[in-house]
Amino acid sequence: MVAKIHVSGLREFQAQLRAMDAGLPRQLRLALNAAAEEIIDYAEPGFPAGPVGPPGRSRLARRSG
């Protein structure tokens, strides 16, 4: 079955994902976080070392603001 999604904003996108399957928003978030980690691993060597955020926050949270 192919689901057709028409989205006009982020809230609508999230609502339609939940309507298709309650677990889809979480799965999408995890997949996007994994992709972001790949990008960070690739880009990080090109940036100088230094403080990136308060201690106790995850690596991705520090970089995503």
C-alpha atoms as a PDB file:
ATOM      1  CA  MET A   1       0.000   0.000   0.000  1.00  0.00           C
ATOM      2  CA  VAL A   2       1.326   3.428  -0.933  1.00  0.00           C
ATOM      3  CA  ALA A   3       0.197   6.327   1.210  1.00  0.00           C
ATOM      4  CA  LYS A   4      -0.170   9.724  -0.400  1.00  0.00           C
ATOM      5  CA  ILE A   5       0.851  12.624   1.798  1.00  0.00           C
ATOM      6  CA  HIS A   6       0.179  16.274   1.036  1.00  0.00           C
ATOM      7  CA  VAL A   7       1.901  18.540   3.535  1.00  0.00           C
ATOM      8  CA  SER A   8       1.694  22.283   3.971  1.00  0.00           C
ATOM      9  CA  GLY A   9       3.679  22.528   7.212  1.00  0.00           C
ATOM     10  CA  LEU A  10       5.631  20.620   9.810  1.00  0.00           C
ATOM     11  CA  ARG A  11       2.641  20.070  12.120  1.00  0.00           C
ATOM     12  CA  GLU A  12       0.616  18.618   9.277  1.00  0.00           C
ATOM     13  CA  PHE A  13       3.535  16.368   8.320  1.00  0.00           C
ATOM     14  CA  GLN A  14       3.852  15.069  11.877  1.00  0.00           C
ATOM     15  CA  ALA A  15       0.099  14.545  12.155  1.00  0.00           C
ATOM     16  CA  GLN A  16      -0.032  12.575   8.904  1.00  0.00           C
ATOM     17  CA  LEU A  17       2.913  10.427   9.970  1.00  0.00           C
ATOM     18  CA  ARG A  18       1.129   9.649  13.257  1.00  0.00           C
ATOM     19  CA  ALA A  19      -2.080   8.890  11.345  1.00  0.00           C
ATOM     20  CA  MET A  20      -0.251   6.316   9.207  1.00  0.00           C
ATOM     21  CA  ASP A  21       1.558   4.730  12.161  1.00  0.00           C
ATOM     22  CA  ALA A  22       2.075   6.046  15.686  1.00  0.00           C
ATOM     23  CA  GLY A  23       5.736   5.000  15.627  1.00  0.00           C
ATOM     24  CA  LEU A  24       6.714   6.771  12.387  1.00  0.00           C
ATOM     25  CA  PRO A  25       7.631  10.159  13.904  1.00  0.00           C
ATOM     26  CA  ARG A  26      10.088   8.475  16.266  1.00  0.00           C
ATOM     27  CA  GLN A  27      11.543   6.318  13.483  1.00  0.00           C
ATOM     28  CA  LEU A  28      12.017   9.398  11.296  1.00  0.00           C
ATOM     29  CA  ARG A  29      13.697  11.295  14.147  1.00  0.00           C
ATOM     30  CA  LEU A  30      16.100   8.401  14.797  1.00  0.00           C
ATOM     31  CA  ALA A  31      16.954   8.097  11.101  1.00  0.00           C
ATOM     32  CA  LEU A  32      17.570  11.849  10.798  1.00  0.00           C
ATOM     33  CA  ASN A  33      19.729  11.826  13.940  1.00  0.00           C
ATOM     34  CA  ALA A  34      21.804   8.969  12.494  1.00  0.00           C
ATOM     35  CA  ALA A  35      22.256  10.924   9.259  1.00  0.00           C
ATOM     36  CA  ALA A  36      23.250  14.019  11.232  1.00  0.00           C
ATOM     37  CA  GLU A  37      25.879  11.998  13.116  1.00  0.00           C
ATOM     38  CA  GLU A  38      27.382  10.912   9.779  1.00  0.00           C
ATOM     39  CA  ILE A  39      27.574  14.526   8.644  1.00  0.00           C
ATOM     40  CA  ILE A  40      29.112  15.608  11.960  1.00  0.00           C
ATOM     41  CA  ASP A  41      31.722  12.845  11.759  1.00  0.00           C
ATOM     42  CA  TYR A  42      32.634  13.976   8.245  1.00  0.00           C
ATOM     43  CA  ALA A  43      32.699  17.708   8.953  1.00  0.00           C
ATOM     44  CA  GLU A  44      34.110  17.771  12.483  1.00  0.00           C
ATOM     45  CA  PRO A  45      37.813  17.342  11.562  1.00  0.00           C
ATOM     46  CA  GLY A  46      37.637  20.617   9.631  1.00  0.00           C
ATOM     47  CA  PHE A  47      36.669  22.671  12.674  1.00  0.00           C
ATOM     48  CA  PRO A  48      38.931  23.778  15.526  1.00  0.00           C
ATOM     49  CA  ALA A  49      38.457  22.073  18.885  1.00  0.00           C
ATOM     50  CA  GLY A  50      36.823  24.038  21.639  1.00  0.00           C
ATOM     51  CA  PRO A  51      33.789  24.225  23.878  1.00  0.00           C
ATOM     52  CA  VAL A  52      30.590  23.431  22.034  1.00  0.00           C
ATOM     53  CA  GLY A  53      27.983  23.598  24.740  1.00  0.00           C
ATOM     54  CA  PRO A  54      27.144  22.946  28.345  1.00  0.00           C
ATOM     55  CA  PRO A  55      28.254  19.604  29.790  1.00  0.00           C
ATOM     56  CA  GLY A  56      25.655  16.895  30.060  1.00  0.00           C
ATOM     57  CA  ARG A  57      24.038  17.431  26.676  1.00  0.00           C
ATOM     58  CA  SER A  58      24.309  14.858  23.938  1.00  0.00           C
ATOM     59  CA  ARG A  59      26.815  15.318  21.128  1.00  0.00           C
ATOM     60  CA  LEU A  60      24.069  15.979  18.579  1.00  0.00           C
ATOM     61  CA  ALA A  61      22.162  18.387  20.831  1.00  0.00           C
ATOM     62  CA  ARG A  62      25.279  20.532  21.293  1.00  0.00           C
ATOM     63  CA  ARG A  63      25.717  20.880  17.552  1.00  0.00           C
ATOM     64  CA  SER A  64      22.088  21.393  16.594  1.00  0.00           C
ATOM     65  CA  GLY A  65      21.633  24.325  18.925  1.00  0.00           C
END
